């Protein structure tokens, strides 16, 4: 046809309904009835393809009739006046789910069933139940059933909870690790159901693992601090904090040094449990992944009072080992770009690299610590100790004296 126009088809209507179902998957109030508008082109375009218009109109009428939907009509001239479908009214959710098809019907039915289960067994209102179901959407049916049982148990035995650890909760059929950590999604959802801020469980104390690197003490086992260690057990002039356990275990001997396993953001426990690292007389270096999280961990460590330098977290190292970097996380999901945080305890050079890693300016958003040879670290530390500098690279180590502006 001349002046080609696109006519709305039953597939388009199905798509409109499906998008509403998807968008309102966790709606606590039914978003139905809804009206689907059917646009038609100009008269000149209608006249140019009378047969096509009649076919499209009949298809829409048949589609509406098949699902029991009422229709409104508009009169348009195509030589003579013709009644064209102007609106299709979807009366209720059952009709909408039938139109959307099983791919969306099953998830919505599962959401409603889970909400009903939570309402009946935990006596919560529908809106709260839907909020919890949304937050636990990725849980399997088995785990959601366990969640409901756990919420019921905590509600009935609240007075017995204080003093117990998560693994001591007597829930039959549960893994000891099912409740996970204090900030887990499952625990937070239980708190929502119960209307409390937190579960009064006794948490496992935080710990920091460390070992002395001096050859004289190489045979000594690792030490684990779960309470404050006011002074080091051995003479220390250098503390090396690393993020990766393999790197921690493989670190070579260094006289007068201690190696601390930071374990990601758990490194924030270091100044609390090993306060002598924040004092005078000990040079502290931090070596983590070259990624956004690595720099945020470094900043957090400095903010906690540890005046540490960064090592092998600069552009020169990035350029040298970029080929060993990754664009995916441990679960094989693509590492997404994000907004860089402000006010971090980073030098201008560190912050510039951090910003580029966040925003995708650099092709590889993560170079893991273990991909960089430990020999390179040992060389830098040895060079720094022998000449009194921070090593061969002028921009390699940075103090916390500079802070990125807000």
Protein backbone atom coordinates (compact mmCIF):
# COMPACT_ATOMS: atom_id res chain seq x y z
CA UNK A 1 0.00 0.00 0.00
CA UNK A 2 1.11 3.56 -0.56
CA UNK A 3 1.83 5.56 2.58
CA UNK A 4 2.45 2.26 4.31
CA UNK A 5 0.80 2.14 7.74
CA UNK A 6 1.33 -0.36 10.53
CA UNK A 7 -1.92 -1.95 11.68
CA UNK A 8 -2.21 -3.25 15.23
CA UNK A 9 -2.49 -7.02 15.40
CA UNK A 10 -3.64 -9.48 18.07
CA UNK A 11 0.05 -10.15 18.76
CA UNK A 12 0.50 -6.45 19.54
CA UNK A 13 -2.45 -6.53 21.93
CA UNK A 14 -1.02 -9.64 23.58
CA UNK A 15 2.28 -7.80 23.96
CA UNK A 16 0.56 -4.79 25.57
CA UNK A 17 -1.18 -7.04 28.08
CA UNK A 18 2.00 -9.02 28.75
CA UNK A 19 3.93 -5.85 29.54
CA UNK A 20 1.33 -4.82 32.10
CA UNK A 21 1.38 -8.29 33.67
CA UNK A 22 5.18 -8.19 33.86
CA UNK A 23 5.24 -4.67 35.30
CA UNK A 24 2.59 -5.50 37.89
CA UNK A 25 3.95 -8.95 38.79
CA UNK A 26 4.09 -8.07 42.50
CA UNK A 27 1.15 -5.67 42.61
CA UNK A 28 -0.78 -6.05 45.86
CA UNK A 29 -3.92 -4.69 44.17
CA UNK A 30 -5.15 -6.02 40.85
CA UNK A 31 -4.27 -3.67 37.98
CA UNK A 32 -7.31 -4.89 36.04
CA UNK A 33 -9.59 -4.06 34.27
CA UNK A 34 -7.53 -2.26 31.66
CA UNK A 35 -8.36 -0.88 28.23
CA UNK A 36 -6.07 -1.49 25.27
CA UNK A 37 -6.26 1.30 22.70
CA UNK A 38 -6.30 0.34 19.01
CA UNK A 39 -4.98 3.16 16.78
CA UNK A 40 -5.83 3.31 13.09
CA UNK A 41 -4.03 5.26 10.36
CA UNK A 42 -5.33 8.17 8.33
CA UNK A 43 -8.21 7.75 5.88
CA UNK A 44 -5.89 7.89 2.87
CA UNK A 45 -3.90 4.99 4.26
CA UNK A 46 -7.03 3.02 5.11
CA UNK A 47 -8.38 3.42 1.59
CA UNK A 48 -5.06 2.34 0.12
CA UNK A 49 -5.39 -1.12 1.71
CA UNK A 50 -9.06 -1.84 2.30
CA UNK A 51 -8.58 -5.61 2.31
CA UNK A 52 -5.70 -5.41 4.81
CA UNK A 53 -7.70 -3.15 7.12
CA UNK A 54 -10.73 -5.48 7.06
CA UNK A 55 -8.48 -8.46 7.78
CA UNK A 56 -6.81 -6.69 10.70
CA UNK A 57 -10.16 -5.53 12.10
CA UNK A 58 -11.68 -9.00 11.88
CA UNK A 59 -8.62 -10.52 13.55
CA UNK A 60 -8.95 -8.08 16.46
CA UNK A 61 -12.68 -8.82 16.84
CA UNK A 62 -12.03 -12.57 16.82
CA UNK A 63 -9.21 -12.15 19.35
CA UNK A 64 -11.42 -10.13 21.71
CA UNK A 65 -14.29 -12.60 21.39
CA UNK A 66 -12.00 -15.58 22.07
CA UNK A 67 -10.96 -14.15 25.45
CA UNK A 68 -14.37 -12.70 26.34
CA UNK A 69 -13.25 -9.07 26.06
CA UNK A 70 -15.70 -6.32 25.20
CA UNK A 71 -14.85 -3.94 22.38
CA UNK A 72 -15.63 -0.35 21.42
CA UNK A 73 -15.83 0.73 17.81
CA UNK A 74 -15.09 3.86 15.85
CA UNK A 75 -16.61 4.67 12.47
CA UNK A 76 -14.10 5.40 9.70
CA UNK A 77 -14.68 5.99 5.97
CA UNK A 78 -13.17 3.65 3.44
CA UNK A 79 -15.48 4.53 0.58
CA UNK A 80 -18.33 3.66 2.94
CA UNK A 81 -18.42 3.91 6.72
CA UNK A 82 -16.81 0.94 8.47
CA UNK A 83 -16.83 0.14 12.20
CA UNK A 84 -13.27 -0.47 13.37
CA UNK A 85 -12.23 -1.78 16.78
CA UNK A 86 -11.17 1.22 18.87
CA UNK A 87 -10.65 -0.40 22.29
CA UNK A 88 -10.38 -3.87 23.72
CA UNK A 89 -11.39 -4.06 27.40
CA UNK A 90 -9.55 -6.69 29.47
CA UNK A 91 -12.00 -7.25 32.37
CA UNK A 92 -9.93 -9.04 35.01
CA UNK A 93 -6.63 -10.64 35.90
CA UNK A 94 -7.66 -14.14 34.86
CA UNK A 95 -8.37 -12.88 31.36
CA UNK A 96 -5.13 -10.91 31.28
CA UNK A 97 -3.10 -13.97 32.30
CA UNK A 98 -4.85 -16.09 29.67
CA UNK A 99 -3.92 -13.50 27.03
CA UNK A 100 -0.33 -13.09 28.27
CA UNK A 101 0.26 -16.83 28.10
CA UNK A 102 1.91 -19.40 30.39
CA UNK A 103 5.33 -17.73 30.42
CA UNK A 104 3.88 -14.89 32.50
CA UNK A 105 0.83 -16.63 33.92
CA UNK A 106 2.87 -19.13 35.92
CA UNK A 107 5.10 -16.53 37.65
CA UNK A 108 2.09 -14.40 38.64
CA UNK A 109 0.21 -17.44 39.91
CA UNK A 110 3.28 -18.44 41.92
CA UNK A 111 3.51 -14.92 43.40
CA UNK A 112 -0.16 -14.98 44.42
CA UNK A 113 0.14 -18.49 45.87
CA UNK A 114 3.19 -17.53 47.93
CA UNK A 115 1.49 -14.39 49.21
CA UNK A 116 -1.60 -16.40 50.20
CA UNK A 117 0.60 -18.94 52.01
CA UNK A 118 2.32 -16.17 53.95
CA UNK A 119 -0.95 -14.43 54.81
CA UNK A 120 -2.60 -17.62 56.06
CA UNK A 121 0.29 -19.01 58.09
CA UNK A 122 1.93 -15.82 59.38
CA UNK A 123 -1.19 -13.63 59.63
CA UNK A 124 0.18 -10.65 57.72
CA UNK A 125 -1.76 -8.35 55.42
CA UNK A 126 -1.71 -8.77 51.67
CA UNK A 127 0.46 -5.74 50.91
CA UNK A 128 3.20 -6.84 53.32
CA UNK A 129 3.02 -10.40 52.01
CA UNK A 130 3.50 -9.21 48.43
CA UNK A 131 6.47 -7.08 49.46
CA UNK A 132 8.14 -10.09 51.08
CA UNK A 133 7.36 -12.31 48.09
CA UNK A 134 8.96 -9.73 45.80
CA UNK A 135 12.12 -9.63 47.89
CA UNK A 136 12.35 -13.44 47.94
CA UNK A 137 11.37 -13.93 44.31
CA UNK A 138 14.57 -15.81 43.45
CA UNK A 139 14.06 -18.39 46.19
CA UNK A 140 13.00 -21.86 45.10
CA UNK A 141 9.60 -23.15 46.19
CA UNK A 142 11.35 -25.37 48.73
CA UNK A 143 13.29 -22.46 50.22
CA UNK A 144 10.22 -20.23 50.29
CA UNK A 145 8.37 -22.94 52.20
CA UNK A 146 11.29 -23.12 54.63
CA UNK A 147 11.14 -19.34 54.97
CA UNK A 148 7.48 -19.46 56.00
CA UNK A 149 8.28 -22.18 58.55
CA UNK A 150 11.17 -20.13 59.92
CA UNK A 151 9.04 -16.99 60.23
CA UNK A 152 6.38 -18.99 62.06
CA UNK A 153 8.94 -20.51 64.41
CA UNK A 154 10.51 -17.16 65.33
CA UNK A 155 7.07 -15.69 65.95
CA UNK A 156 6.08 -18.52 68.29
CA UNK A 157 9.42 -18.88 70.11
CA UNK A 158 10.63 -15.29 70.24
CA UNK A 159 11.48 -15.46 73.94
CA UNK A 160 13.78 -18.44 73.33
CA UNK A 161 15.84 -16.79 70.58
CA UNK A 162 18.24 -14.51 72.51
CA UNK A 163 21.55 -16.27 73.09
CA UNK A 164 21.14 -18.80 70.29
CA UNK A 165 23.25 -18.70 67.15
CA UNK A 166 21.61 -19.07 63.75
CA UNK A 167 22.91 -22.63 63.52
CA UNK A 168 21.37 -23.55 66.88
CA UNK A 169 17.80 -22.69 65.87
CA UNK A 170 15.91 -26.03 66.15
CA UNK A 171 14.19 -26.05 62.79
CA UNK A 172 13.82 -29.57 61.34
CA UNK A 173 14.87 -30.03 57.73
CA UNK A 174 16.98 -26.86 57.63
CA UNK A 175 20.63 -26.62 56.67
CA UNK A 176 22.74 -25.11 59.45
CA UNK A 177 23.68 -22.31 57.05
CA UNK A 178 20.16 -21.57 55.77
CA UNK A 179 19.69 -18.38 57.81
CA UNK A 180 23.05 -17.09 56.56
CA UNK A 181 24.53 -13.87 57.95
CA UNK A 182 22.92 -11.12 59.97
CA UNK A 183 22.34 -9.01 56.85
CA UNK A 184 20.96 -11.79 54.66
CA UNK A 185 17.85 -11.31 52.56
CA UNK A 186 16.11 -14.19 54.35
CA UNK A 187 16.69 -12.75 57.82
CA UNK A 188 15.56 -9.30 56.70
CA UNK A 189 12.35 -10.78 55.28
CA UNK A 190 11.66 -12.65 58.54
CA UNK A 191 12.09 -9.37 60.41
CA UNK A 192 9.59 -7.73 58.05
CA UNK A 193 7.03 -10.45 58.71
CA UNK A 194 7.54 -10.16 62.48
CA UNK A 195 7.66 -6.35 62.49
CA UNK A 196 11.09 -6.17 64.17
CA UNK A 197 14.38 -4.53 63.24
CA UNK A 198 16.58 -7.57 63.81
CA UNK A 199 16.61 -11.12 65.10
CA UNK A 200 18.20 -11.27 68.59
CA UNK A 201 20.56 -14.07 67.64
CA UNK A 202 24.04 -14.39 69.05
CA UNK A 203 26.34 -13.69 66.12
CA UNK A 204 29.65 -15.38 65.56
CA UNK A 205 32.35 -12.89 66.53
CA UNK A 206 34.20 -11.17 63.74
CA UNK A 207 37.71 -12.42 63.16
CA UNK A 208 40.91 -11.40 61.47
CA UNK A 209 43.40 -14.00 60.28
CA UNK A 210 47.09 -13.13 60.16
CA UNK A 211 50.52 -14.74 60.10
CA UNK A 212 54.05 -13.56 60.72
CA UNK A 213 56.21 -13.56 57.59
CA UNK A 214 59.59 -13.42 59.31
CA UNK A 215 61.56 -16.58 58.55
CA UNK A 216 62.22 -17.05 62.26
CA UNK A 217 58.50 -17.61 62.82
CA UNK A 218 57.63 -19.40 59.58
CA UNK A 219 56.74 -22.63 61.38
CA UNK A 220 54.17 -20.93 63.58
CA UNK A 221 50.50 -21.46 62.68
CA UNK A 222 48.21 -18.72 61.48
CA UNK A 223 46.65 -16.64 64.20
CA UNK A 224 42.98 -15.70 64.40
CA UNK A 225 41.98 -12.62 66.37
CA UNK A 226 38.39 -12.69 67.63
CA UNK A 227 39.03 -10.20 70.42
CA UNK A 228 41.27 -7.16 70.64
CA UNK A 229 45.01 -7.92 70.36
CA UNK A 230 46.55 -4.77 71.79
CA UNK A 231 50.14 -5.60 70.83
CA UNK A 232 51.69 -7.93 68.24
CA UNK A 233 53.08 -11.24 69.47
CA UNK A 234 56.21 -10.72 67.36
CA UNK A 235 58.18 -7.58 66.37
CA UNK A 236 56.50 -5.91 63.38
CA UNK A 237 57.68 -3.04 61.21
CA UNK A 238 55.63 -3.86 58.09
CA UNK A 239 52.04 -5.06 57.77
CA UNK A 240 50.77 -6.38 54.44
CA UNK A 241 46.98 -6.55 54.09
CA UNK A 242 45.78 -8.63 51.13
CA UNK A 243 42.30 -9.37 49.81
CA UNK A 244 42.72 -12.85 48.37
CA UNK A 245 43.26 -15.98 50.46
CA UNK A 246 45.52 -17.65 47.88
CA UNK A 247 47.76 -14.58 47.91
CA UNK A 248 47.71 -14.54 51.70
CA UNK A 249 48.82 -18.17 51.92
CA UNK A 250 51.47 -17.90 49.18
CA UNK A 251 53.14 -14.70 50.37
CA UNK A 252 56.91 -15.18 50.76
CA UNK A 253 59.10 -14.40 53.77
CA UNK A 254 59.75 -10.78 54.77
CA UNK A 255 61.70 -9.93 57.89
CA UNK A 256 59.73 -8.06 60.53
CA UNK A 257 56.47 -8.36 58.61
CA UNK A 258 52.98 -9.65 59.24
CA UNK A 259 50.46 -10.62 56.53
CA UNK A 260 46.78 -9.97 57.24
CA UNK A 261 43.97 -11.63 55.30
CA UNK A 262 41.52 -8.81 54.64
CA UNK A 263 38.76 -10.92 53.05
CA UNK A 264 37.00 -8.12 51.21
CA UNK A 265 35.06 -5.60 53.27
CA UNK A 266 35.74 -7.69 56.41
CA UNK A 267 39.04 -5.80 56.43
CA UNK A 268 37.18 -3.10 58.38
CA UNK A 269 37.58 -5.32 61.46
CA UNK A 270 41.36 -4.90 61.33
CA UNK A 271 41.68 -1.65 63.33
CA UNK A 272 39.22 -2.95 65.92
CA UNK A 273 40.94 -6.29 66.53
CA UNK A 274 44.53 -5.30 65.71
CA UNK A 275 44.69 -1.66 66.87
CA UNK A 276 48.49 -1.61 66.76
CA UNK A 277 48.23 -1.47 62.95
CA UNK A 278 46.77 2.02 63.28
CA UNK A 279 49.58 3.19 65.54
CA UNK A 280 53.01 4.62 64.84
CA UNK A 281 56.01 2.54 63.91
CA UNK A 282 54.30 0.10 61.55
CA UNK A 283 54.20 0.69 57.81
CA UNK A 284 50.94 -0.71 56.43
CA UNK A 285 50.40 -1.56 52.76
CA UNK A 286 47.17 -2.76 51.18
CA UNK A 287 47.08 -4.88 48.05
CA UNK A 288 43.67 -5.69 46.62
CA UNK A 289 41.90 -6.28 43.32
CA UNK A 290 42.09 -3.52 40.75
CA UNK A 291 38.35 -2.90 40.59
CA UNK A 292 35.76 -0.59 42.08
CA UNK A 293 35.30 -2.73 45.19
CA UNK A 294 39.06 -2.93 45.75
CA UNK A 295 39.37 0.84 45.91
CA UNK A 296 36.29 1.17 48.11
CA UNK A 297 37.79 -1.37 50.52
CA UNK A 298 41.05 0.59 50.53
CA UNK A 299 39.13 3.78 51.28
CA UNK A 300 37.19 2.13 54.10
CA UNK A 301 40.39 0.84 55.68
CA UNK A 302 41.88 4.32 55.64
CA UNK A 303 38.66 5.83 56.97
CA UNK A 304 38.83 3.43 59.92
CA UNK A 305 42.15 4.93 60.99
CA UNK A 306 44.75 2.76 59.29
CA UNK A 307 47.20 4.98 57.36
CA UNK A 308 47.93 2.45 54.63
CA UNK A 309 49.54 2.71 51.22
CA UNK A 310 48.19 0.99 48.13
CA UNK A 311 50.44 -1.39 46.23
CA UNK A 312 50.01 -2.68 42.67
CA UNK A 313 46.73 -0.79 42.30
CA UNK A 314 47.81 1.86 39.77
CA UNK A 315 47.47 2.48 36.04
CA UNK A 316 50.89 1.08 35.23
CA UNK A 317 49.97 -2.23 36.85
CA UNK A 318 46.57 -2.14 35.14
CA UNK A 319 48.16 -1.66 31.73
CA UNK A 320 50.68 -4.43 32.34
CA UNK A 321 48.15 -7.04 33.47
CA UNK A 322 44.99 -5.94 31.65
CA UNK A 323 45.10 -9.04 29.46
CA UNK A 324 44.56 -11.14 32.58
CA UNK A 325 41.53 -9.11 33.69
CA UNK A 326 37.88 -10.08 33.47
CA UNK A 327 34.53 -8.56 32.55
CA UNK A 328 32.55 -11.14 34.56
CA UNK A 329 32.11 -11.91 38.24
CA UNK A 330 32.43 -15.25 40.03
CA UNK A 331 28.90 -16.22 38.93
CA UNK A 332 29.74 -15.44 35.27
CA UNK A 333 27.50 -12.37 35.30
CA UNK A 334 28.75 -9.33 33.44
CA UNK A 335 30.25 -6.70 35.73
CA UNK A 336 28.04 -3.66 35.30
CA UNK A 337 29.04 -0.04 35.23
CA UNK A 338 28.04 2.14 38.16
CA UNK A 339 28.25 5.62 39.57
CA UNK A 340 31.55 6.26 41.38
CA UNK A 341 31.16 7.24 45.03
CA UNK A 342 32.40 10.59 46.28
CA UNK A 343 34.29 11.51 49.43
CA UNK A 344 36.46 8.40 49.35
CA UNK A 345 39.83 8.30 51.10
CA UNK A 346 41.78 7.97 47.86
CA UNK A 347 44.54 9.99 46.27
CA UNK A 348 43.66 11.85 43.03
CA UNK A 349 45.47 9.18 40.98
CA UNK A 350 43.68 6.35 42.79
CA UNK A 351 40.31 8.04 42.45
CA UNK A 352 40.80 8.67 38.73
CA UNK A 353 41.47 4.97 38.16
CA UNK A 354 38.55 4.00 40.42
CA UNK A 355 36.22 6.34 38.50
CA UNK A 356 37.25 4.89 35.13
CA UNK A 357 36.71 1.35 36.42
CA UNK A 358 33.22 2.29 37.65
CA UNK A 359 32.03 4.07 34.53
CA UNK A 360 33.34 1.66 31.91
CA UNK A 361 36.02 3.98 30.55
CA UNK A 362 38.38 1.02 30.83
CA UNK A 363 37.65 -2.13 28.83
CA UNK A 364 38.35 -4.51 31.71
CA UNK A 365 36.63 -3.58 35.00
CA UNK A 366 38.48 -6.06 37.20
CA UNK A 367 42.00 -7.43 37.53
CA UNK A 368 42.01 -9.87 40.41
CA UNK A 369 44.87 -9.74 42.86
CA UNK A 370 45.91 -13.35 42.30
CA UNK A 371 46.46 -12.67 38.58
CA UNK A 372 49.45 -10.49 39.45
CA UNK A 373 52.61 -12.44 40.40
CA UNK A 374 53.56 -12.28 44.05
CA UNK A 375 57.16 -11.89 42.88
CA UNK A 376 56.22 -8.44 41.58
CA UNK A 377 54.96 -7.46 45.01
CA UNK A 378 58.06 -8.85 46.72
CA UNK A 379 60.28 -6.90 44.33
CA UNK A 380 58.51 -3.64 45.09
CA UNK A 381 58.61 -4.16 48.84
CA UNK A 382 62.30 -5.11 48.75
CA UNK A 383 63.13 -2.08 46.61
CA UNK A 384 61.24 0.21 48.94
CA UNK A 385 63.05 -1.15 51.99
CA UNK A 386 66.50 -1.01 50.44
CA UNK A 387 66.37 2.59 49.18
CA UNK A 388 63.99 4.06 51.74
CA UNK A 389 61.43 4.94 49.06
CA UNK A 390 58.06 3.46 48.21
CA UNK A 391 59.49 1.37 45.40
CA UNK A 392 60.39 1.67 41.75
CA UNK A 393 57.13 3.32 40.70
CA UNK A 394 56.68 6.87 41.82
CA UNK A 395 52.90 6.53 41.76
CA UNK A 396 52.79 3.08 43.24
CA UNK A 397 51.92 3.81 46.87
CA UNK A 398 49.76 6.59 48.19
CA UNK A 399 49.07 7.85 51.68
CA UNK A 400 45.60 8.78 52.89
CA UNK A 401 46.44 12.47 53.19
CA UNK A 402 44.38 13.31 50.11
CA UNK A 403 40.65 12.74 50.00
CA UNK A 404 38.45 13.00 46.94
CA UNK A 405 36.12 16.01 47.10
CA UNK A 406 32.40 15.55 47.58
